Amino acid sequence: MEHRTPPPIALALVLAAVVVAVQALLVPMFAWPAANLAPRDLPVIVAGPAPAADAVAGQLGSAEPGAFEVSRAPDAAAADAALRDRQAYAAFVVGPDGVSLHTASAASPAVAALLTAAAQQLGAGRAVPVVDVVASDPDDPRGAGFASGFLPLGLTSMVAGILLVFLVRSRVVAGAGAPAPAPATERRASTARLVGLGAYALLAGLAGAAVLQLWLGLIPGDYLANAAVAGLFALAVSAAVAGLGAALGRPGIGLGVLLVFVFGIPLSAVSAAPELLPQPWGQFGQWLPVGAGATLLRSVAYFDGAGSAGPLWILAAWAAGGLALVSVGRVRV
């Protein structure tokens, strides 16, 4: 039977409709979380003597019900220790001279700014002093550089995974319509992809940390530790996309793009905080590679690894799952 290709005008109209449909999905996915930023069970601490601290905790709860998850600390030193351990974003410390606000702006400059404004309402006309216990990098006080520098690593890692599926396989396997490749050829293709993923993760980690820390000065901490985080993040994204593509073919590539780009970036809260996004989407974003990677890098760079266990295991699971799928995947794309 003769194969007929669609007329050029019909094809152009279909492509235009598909692009508009994708646009209609992307715009709300990126705009909706950003337009609905507000504290939702945001962890904060109230420290100080019981009667006065109870009053401050009550004010926080009544001013914005559901906005804060308040825990208690006996004094400022205990509150500061909890901030350094990433147990909360800020502490309202009640002392003889009134209330002061202790923040950890390195955890989220957006949250620190929000709470600084909120604290002034507790001052009863008196300016509330602010102490930044774990400050953002002085070259990036609002955190915009961190977000803008981190997200491209996720996008390039997604592209690396896609290229390894398409290009490595095309060099090993004949074109479409050819007989199924031999098992030995499949194993060589899988091995080549695994080597490519490992090399990419190593180089991406070293280069990513060098740019963010040594060149731009956007993050502090130990360079090799930051490079290890960036490399693990790059491996988690690239291996997940490559693994889904190797196992499911083109639909798997599409699923990987959804998880990394369409859902992963807007729900990552890299420029805000998970507790500022509508729930449960804020917490869901932390189970995806971009959200977990941003949280892990902040923990390692600013907090000496405090709060890193959860995102570390999440990235490791994405990386291991992706590598396993690459090893066994046999779908031709």
Protein backbone atom coordinates (compact mmCIF):
# COMPACT_ATOMS: atom_id res chain seq x y z
CA MET A 1 0.00 0.00 0.00
CA GLU A 2 1.35 3.43 -0.91
CA HIS A 3 2.30 5.54 2.07
CA ARG A 4 0.97 9.07 1.80
CA THR A 5 2.47 11.93 3.76
CA PRO A 6 0.17 14.67 5.05
CA PRO A 7 0.03 17.91 3.02
CA PRO A 8 2.50 20.56 4.23
CA ILE A 9 -0.27 22.97 5.30
CA ALA A 10 -2.03 20.27 7.34
CA LEU A 11 1.24 19.29 8.99
CA ALA A 12 2.02 22.91 9.81
CA LEU A 13 -1.41 23.41 11.38
CA VAL A 14 -1.05 20.25 13.49
CA LEU A 15 2.39 21.33 14.71
CA ALA A 16 1.07 24.77 15.60
CA ALA A 17 -1.80 23.23 17.58
CA VAL A 18 0.56 20.89 19.44
CA VAL A 19 2.89 23.73 20.41
CA VAL A 20 -0.04 25.82 21.67
CA ALA A 21 -1.28 22.86 23.71
CA VAL A 22 2.16 22.48 25.29
CA GLN A 23 2.22 26.22 25.98
CA ALA A 24 -1.19 26.02 27.63
CA LEU A 25 0.24 23.37 29.98
CA LEU A 26 3.52 25.12 30.72
CA VAL A 27 2.18 28.59 31.51
CA PRO A 28 -0.05 27.54 34.45
CA MET A 29 2.53 25.04 35.71
CA PHE A 30 5.14 27.80 36.05
CA ALA A 31 2.85 30.72 36.92
CA TRP A 32 0.41 29.10 39.35
CA PRO A 33 2.90 28.14 42.10
CA ALA A 34 4.67 31.52 41.88
CA ALA A 35 1.36 33.40 42.07
CA ASN A 36 0.24 31.53 45.18
CA LEU A 37 3.27 31.87 47.46
CA ALA A 38 2.21 32.01 51.11
CA PRO A 39 3.35 30.29 54.32
CA ARG A 40 1.69 26.93 54.92
CA ASP A 41 2.78 25.14 58.10
CA LEU A 42 6.09 26.98 57.88
CA PRO A 43 8.39 25.70 60.68
CA VAL A 44 9.30 28.50 63.10
CA ILE A 45 10.45 28.59 66.72
CA VAL A 46 9.34 30.73 69.62
CA ALA A 47 12.01 30.98 72.32
CA GLY A 48 11.89 32.55 75.74
CA PRO A 49 10.11 32.44 79.11
CA ALA A 50 6.82 30.60 79.06
CA PRO A 51 4.22 33.36 79.63
CA ALA A 52 5.66 35.82 77.10
CA ALA A 53 6.58 33.11 74.58
CA ASP A 54 3.09 31.65 74.81
CA ALA A 55 1.65 35.04 73.95
CA VAL A 56 3.87 35.37 70.86
CA ALA A 57 2.99 31.85 69.74
CA GLY A 58 -0.68 32.69 70.12
CA GLN A 59 -0.27 35.87 68.08
CA LEU A 60 1.37 33.91 65.26
CA GLY A 61 -1.40 31.35 65.26
CA SER A 62 -4.25 33.84 65.32
CA ALA A 63 -2.76 36.30 62.82
CA GLU A 64 -2.53 33.71 60.02
CA PRO A 65 -4.17 30.39 60.96
CA GLY A 66 -2.33 27.46 59.38
CA ALA A 67 0.59 29.59 58.24
CA PHE A 68 3.11 28.49 60.89
CA GLU A 69 4.11 25.27 62.56
CA VAL A 70 5.38 26.61 65.88
CA SER A 71 7.81 24.75 68.12
CA ARG A 72 9.36 25.96 71.37
CA ALA A 73 12.92 26.51 72.58
CA PRO A 74 14.05 27.60 76.03
CA ASP A 75 16.33 30.43 74.89
CA ALA A 76 18.07 32.11 71.96
CA ALA A 77 21.04 29.74 71.98
CA ALA A 78 18.81 26.68 71.61
CA ALA A 79 16.82 28.40 68.88
CA ASP A 80 19.97 29.30 66.95
CA ALA A 81 21.20 25.71 67.20
CA ALA A 82 17.90 24.51 65.75
CA LEU A 83 18.23 26.97 62.86
CA ARG A 84 21.72 25.67 62.09
CA ASP A 85 20.30 22.13 62.05
CA ARG A 86 17.60 23.22 59.54
CA GLN A 87 14.79 22.39 61.95
CA ALA A 88 13.11 25.75 61.29
CA TYR A 89 13.43 28.81 59.10
CA ALA A 90 13.40 31.41 61.87
CA ALA A 91 12.95 31.97 65.59
CA PHE A 92 11.00 34.62 67.43
CA VAL A 93 13.07 35.22 70.55
CA VAL A 94 11.38 36.86 73.53
CA GLY A 95 13.77 38.77 75.79
CA PRO A 96 13.69 41.54 78.39
CA ASP A 97 13.60 44.18 75.65
CA GLY A 98 10.86 42.51 73.64
CA VAL A 99 10.83 40.28 70.58
CA SER A 100 13.73 39.80 68.17
CA LEU A 101 13.76 37.70 65.02
CA HIS A 102 16.53 35.19 64.32
CA THR A 103 16.57 33.97 60.71
CA ALA A 104 18.49 31.53 58.55
CA SER A 105 18.27 33.36 55.25
CA ALA A 106 20.55 30.77 53.63
CA ALA A 107 17.68 28.28 53.86
CA SER A 108 15.41 30.64 51.93
CA PRO A 109 15.94 34.38 51.44
CA ALA A 110 12.27 34.65 50.44
CA VAL A 111 11.12 33.20 53.76
CA ALA A 112 13.53 35.42 55.69
CA ALA A 113 12.12 38.52 53.97
CA LEU A 114 8.54 37.38 54.58
CA LEU A 115 9.13 36.72 58.27
CA THR A 116 11.04 39.97 58.73
CA ALA A 117 7.98 41.83 57.53
CA ALA A 118 5.68 39.70 59.68
CA ALA A 119 7.82 40.24 62.79
CA GLN A 120 7.33 43.99 62.67
CA GLN A 121 3.67 43.43 63.51
CA LEU A 122 4.75 41.90 66.81
CA GLY A 123 6.82 44.91 67.80
CA ALA A 124 3.83 47.04 68.90
CA GLY A 125 5.26 50.07 67.11
CA ARG A 126 8.87 49.22 67.96
CA ALA A 127 11.24 48.01 65.25
CA VAL A 128 11.99 44.32 65.74
CA PRO A 129 15.74 43.61 65.51
CA VAL A 130 16.77 40.84 63.09
CA VAL A 131 19.73 38.50 63.58
CA ASP A 132 20.75 36.40 60.58
CA VAL A 133 22.17 33.23 62.13
CA VAL A 134 22.99 31.47 58.84
CA ALA A 135 23.21 34.20 56.24
CA SER A 136 22.98 33.90 52.47
CA ASP A 137 26.13 34.46 50.49
CA PRO A 138 26.88 38.22 50.51
CA ASP A 139 27.20 38.13 46.72
CA ASP A 140 23.68 36.69 46.45
CA PRO A 141 21.62 38.07 49.36
CA ARG A 142 18.23 37.44 47.70
CA GLY A 143 19.09 33.95 46.42
CA ALA A 144 18.31 34.82 42.80
CA GLY A 145 21.79 33.83 41.66
CA PHE A 146 21.56 30.45 43.37
CA ALA A 147 18.29 29.62 41.63
CA SER A 148 19.40 30.96 38.26
CA GLY A 149 22.69 29.09 38.46
CA PHE A 150 21.29 25.80 39.72
CA LEU A 151 18.38 25.28 37.32
CA PRO A 152 20.50 25.14 34.13
CA LEU A 153 22.32 22.14 35.59
CA GLY A 154 18.99 20.31 35.69
CA LEU A 155 18.15 21.27 32.11
CA THR A 156 21.54 20.26 30.72
CA SER A 157 21.36 16.98 32.64
CA MET A 158 17.97 16.27 31.07
CA VAL A 159 19.43 16.97 27.63
CA ALA A 160 22.42 14.73 28.37
CA GLY A 161 20.11 11.84 29.21
CA ILE A 162 18.12 12.34 26.01
CA LEU A 163 21.23 12.52 23.84
CA LEU A 164 22.71 9.38 25.37
CA VAL A 165 19.55 7.44 24.52
CA PHE A 166 19.29 8.66 20.94
CA LEU A 167 22.87 9.14 19.79
CA VAL A 168 24.65 6.25 21.48
CA ARG A 169 22.00 3.81 20.27
CA SER A 170 22.01 5.18 16.74
CA ARG A 171 25.75 4.61 16.51
CA VAL A 172 25.42 0.99 17.59
CA VAL A 173 22.14 -0.05 15.97
CA ALA A 174 21.11 0.18 12.34
CA GLY A 175 18.34 2.52 11.26
CA ALA A 176 14.60 2.01 11.62
CA GLY A 177 13.29 -1.16 10.02
CA ALA A 178 16.53 -3.07 10.53
CA PRO A 179 16.53 -6.47 12.24
CA ALA A 180 16.60 -6.49 16.04
CA PRO A 181 20.16 -6.07 17.35
CA ALA A 182 22.00 -8.97 18.89
CA PRO A 183 22.17 -9.22 22.70
CA ALA A 184 25.89 -8.46 22.60
CA THR A 185 25.21 -5.25 20.70
CA GLU A 186 22.53 -4.29 23.19
CA ARG A 187 24.91 -4.87 26.09
CA ARG A 188 27.56 -2.71 24.43
CA ALA A 189 25.00 0.06 23.93
CA SER A 190 23.92 -0.12 27.59
CA THR A 191 27.52 -0.14 28.78
CA ALA A 192 28.33 2.86 26.61
CA ARG A 193 25.40 4.77 28.07
CA LEU A 194 26.43 3.92 31.62
CA VAL A 195 29.98 5.11 30.96
CA GLY A 196 28.60 8.29 29.40
CA LEU A 197 26.36 8.95 32.40
CA GLY A 198 29.23 8.45 34.83
CA ALA A 199 31.55 10.73 32.86
CA TYR A 200 28.88 13.38 32.51
CA ALA A 201 28.04 13.36 36.24
CA LEU A 202 31.72 13.67 37.21
CA LEU A 203 32.42 16.54 34.82
CA ALA A 204 29.11 18.29 35.48
CA GLY A 205 29.69 18.18 39.23
CA LEU A 206 33.20 19.58 39.04
CA ALA A 207 32.28 22.24 36.50
CA GLY A 208 28.97 23.18 38.12
CA ALA A 209 30.49 23.73 41.55
CA ALA A 210 33.44 25.58 40.02
CA VAL A 211 31.12 28.03 38.27
CA LEU A 212 28.73 28.53 41.20
CA GLN A 213 31.39 28.74 43.91
CA LEU A 214 34.81 29.58 42.49
CA TRP A 215 33.79 31.81 39.59
CA LEU A 216 30.51 33.48 40.55
CA GLY A 217 30.89 33.16 44.33
CA LEU A 218 27.23 32.25 44.85
CA ILE A 219 27.72 29.45 47.39
CA PRO A 220 30.19 28.93 50.24
CA GLY A 221 31.49 25.70 51.79
CA ASP A 222 33.85 22.96 50.69
CA TYR A 223 34.30 22.84 46.92
CA LEU A 224 34.61 19.05 46.65
CA ALA A 225 31.51 18.52 48.80
CA ASN A 226 29.53 20.94 46.63
CA ALA A 227 30.88 19.25 43.50
CA ALA A 228 29.77 15.86 44.83
CA VAL A 229 26.23 17.19 45.34
CA ALA A 230 26.13 18.76 41.89
CA GLY A 231 27.45 15.53 40.38
CA LEU A 232 24.87 13.39 42.17
CA PHE A 233 22.10 15.74 41.04
CA ALA A 234 23.35 15.62 37.45
CA LEU A 235 23.47 11.83 37.60
CA ALA A 236 19.98 11.57 39.10
CA VAL A 237 18.44 13.69 36.33
CA SER A 238 20.39 12.33 33.38
CA ALA A 239 20.11 8.69 34.48
CA ALA A 240 16.38 8.99 35.18
CA VAL A 241 15.68 10.45 31.73
CA ALA A 242 18.02 8.01 29.96
CA GLY A 243 16.62 5.05 31.91
CA LEU A 244 13.01 5.92 31.11
CA GLY A 245 13.96 6.35 27.47
CA ALA A 246 15.83 3.04 27.36
CA ALA A 247 12.92 1.21 28.99
CA LEU A 248 9.92 2.89 27.34
CA GLY A 249 11.30 4.56 24.22
CA ARG A 250 10.01 7.96 23.17
CA PRO A 251 7.14 7.94 25.71
CA GLY A 252 9.78 7.40 28.40
CA ILE A 253 11.69 10.45 27.20
CA GLY A 254 8.45 12.43 27.38
CA LEU A 255 7.83 11.20 30.92
CA GLY A 256 11.35 12.22 31.92
CA VAL A 257 10.80 15.73 30.53
CA LEU A 258 7.56 15.99 32.50
CA LEU A 259 9.24 14.95 35.75
CA VAL A 260 12.30 17.17 35.35
CA PHE A 261 11.05 20.21 33.46
CA VAL A 262 7.26 20.53 33.44
CA PHE A 263 6.69 19.48 37.06
CA GLY A 264 10.18 19.41 38.55
CA ILE A 265 11.26 23.02 38.04
CA PRO A 266 8.10 24.96 39.04
CA LEU A 267 7.55 22.70 42.08
CA SER A 268 11.20 22.70 43.16
CA ALA A 269 10.83 25.87 45.30
CA VAL A 270 14.47 26.61 44.54
CA SER A 271 13.83 30.36 44.79
CA ALA A 272 11.31 30.13 47.65
CA ALA A 273 10.59 27.22 50.03
CA PRO A 274 8.39 24.10 49.80
CA GLU A 275 6.18 25.43 52.58
CA LEU A 276 5.36 28.54 50.53
CA LEU A 277 3.89 26.56 47.64
CA PRO A 278 0.31 25.24 47.55
CA GLN A 279 0.19 21.82 49.20
CA PRO A 280 0.68 18.98 48.61
CA TRP A 281 2.58 20.22 45.54
CA GLY A 282 5.35 21.88 47.54
CA GLN A 283 6.24 18.62 49.29
CA PHE A 284 5.72 16.61 46.11
CA GLY A 285 8.33 18.79 44.41
CA GLN A 286 10.89 17.72 47.02
CA TRP A 287 10.52 14.11 45.87
CA LEU A 288 11.56 15.09 42.35
CA PRO A 289 15.25 15.49 41.44
CA VAL A 290 15.32 19.28 41.03
CA GLY A 291 13.69 20.02 44.39
CA ALA A 292 15.78 17.44 46.23
CA GLY A 293 18.97 18.64 44.53
CA ALA A 294 18.44 22.29 45.46
CA THR A 295 17.68 21.40 49.07
CA LEU A 296 20.72 19.13 49.31
CA LEU A 297 23.06 21.76 47.88
CA ARG A 298 21.82 24.37 50.35
CA SER A 299 22.28 21.93 53.23
CA VAL A 300 25.84 21.03 52.25
CA ALA A 301 26.99 24.52 51.22
CA TYR A 302 25.49 26.53 54.09
CA PHE A 303 24.59 24.15 56.93
CA ASP A 304 27.50 21.65 57.04
CA GLY A 305 25.19 18.89 55.82
CA ALA A 306 22.39 19.40 58.34
CA GLY A 307 19.07 18.29 56.90
CA SER A 308 20.73 16.50 53.98
CA ALA A 309 19.70 12.89 54.67
CA GLY A 310 16.27 13.05 53.03
CA PRO A 311 17.23 14.75 49.75
CA LEU A 312 20.40 12.66 49.56
CA TRP A 313 18.42 9.41 49.60
CA ILE A 314 15.91 10.79 47.11
CA LEU A 315 18.62 11.70 44.60
CA ALA A 316 20.38 8.39 45.16
CA ALA A 317 17.13 6.53 44.46
CA TRP A 318 16.56 8.45 41.21
CA ALA A 319 20.13 7.81 40.12
CA ALA A 320 20.06 4.10 41.02
CA GLY A 321 16.68 3.55 39.39
CA GLY A 322 17.76 5.31 36.22
CA LEU A 323 21.02 3.36 35.99
CA ALA A 324 19.15 0.09 36.50
CA LEU A 325 16.75 0.94 33.68
CA VAL A 326 19.62 1.89 31.41
CA SER A 327 21.24 -1.47 32.14
CA VAL A 328 18.17 -3.55 31.24
CA GLY A 329 16.35 -1.27 28.79
CA ARG A 330 16.02 -2.68 25.29
CA VAL A 331 13.50 -0.36 23.59
CA ARG A 332 14.65 1.11 20.30
CA VAL A 333 13.98 4.84 19.86
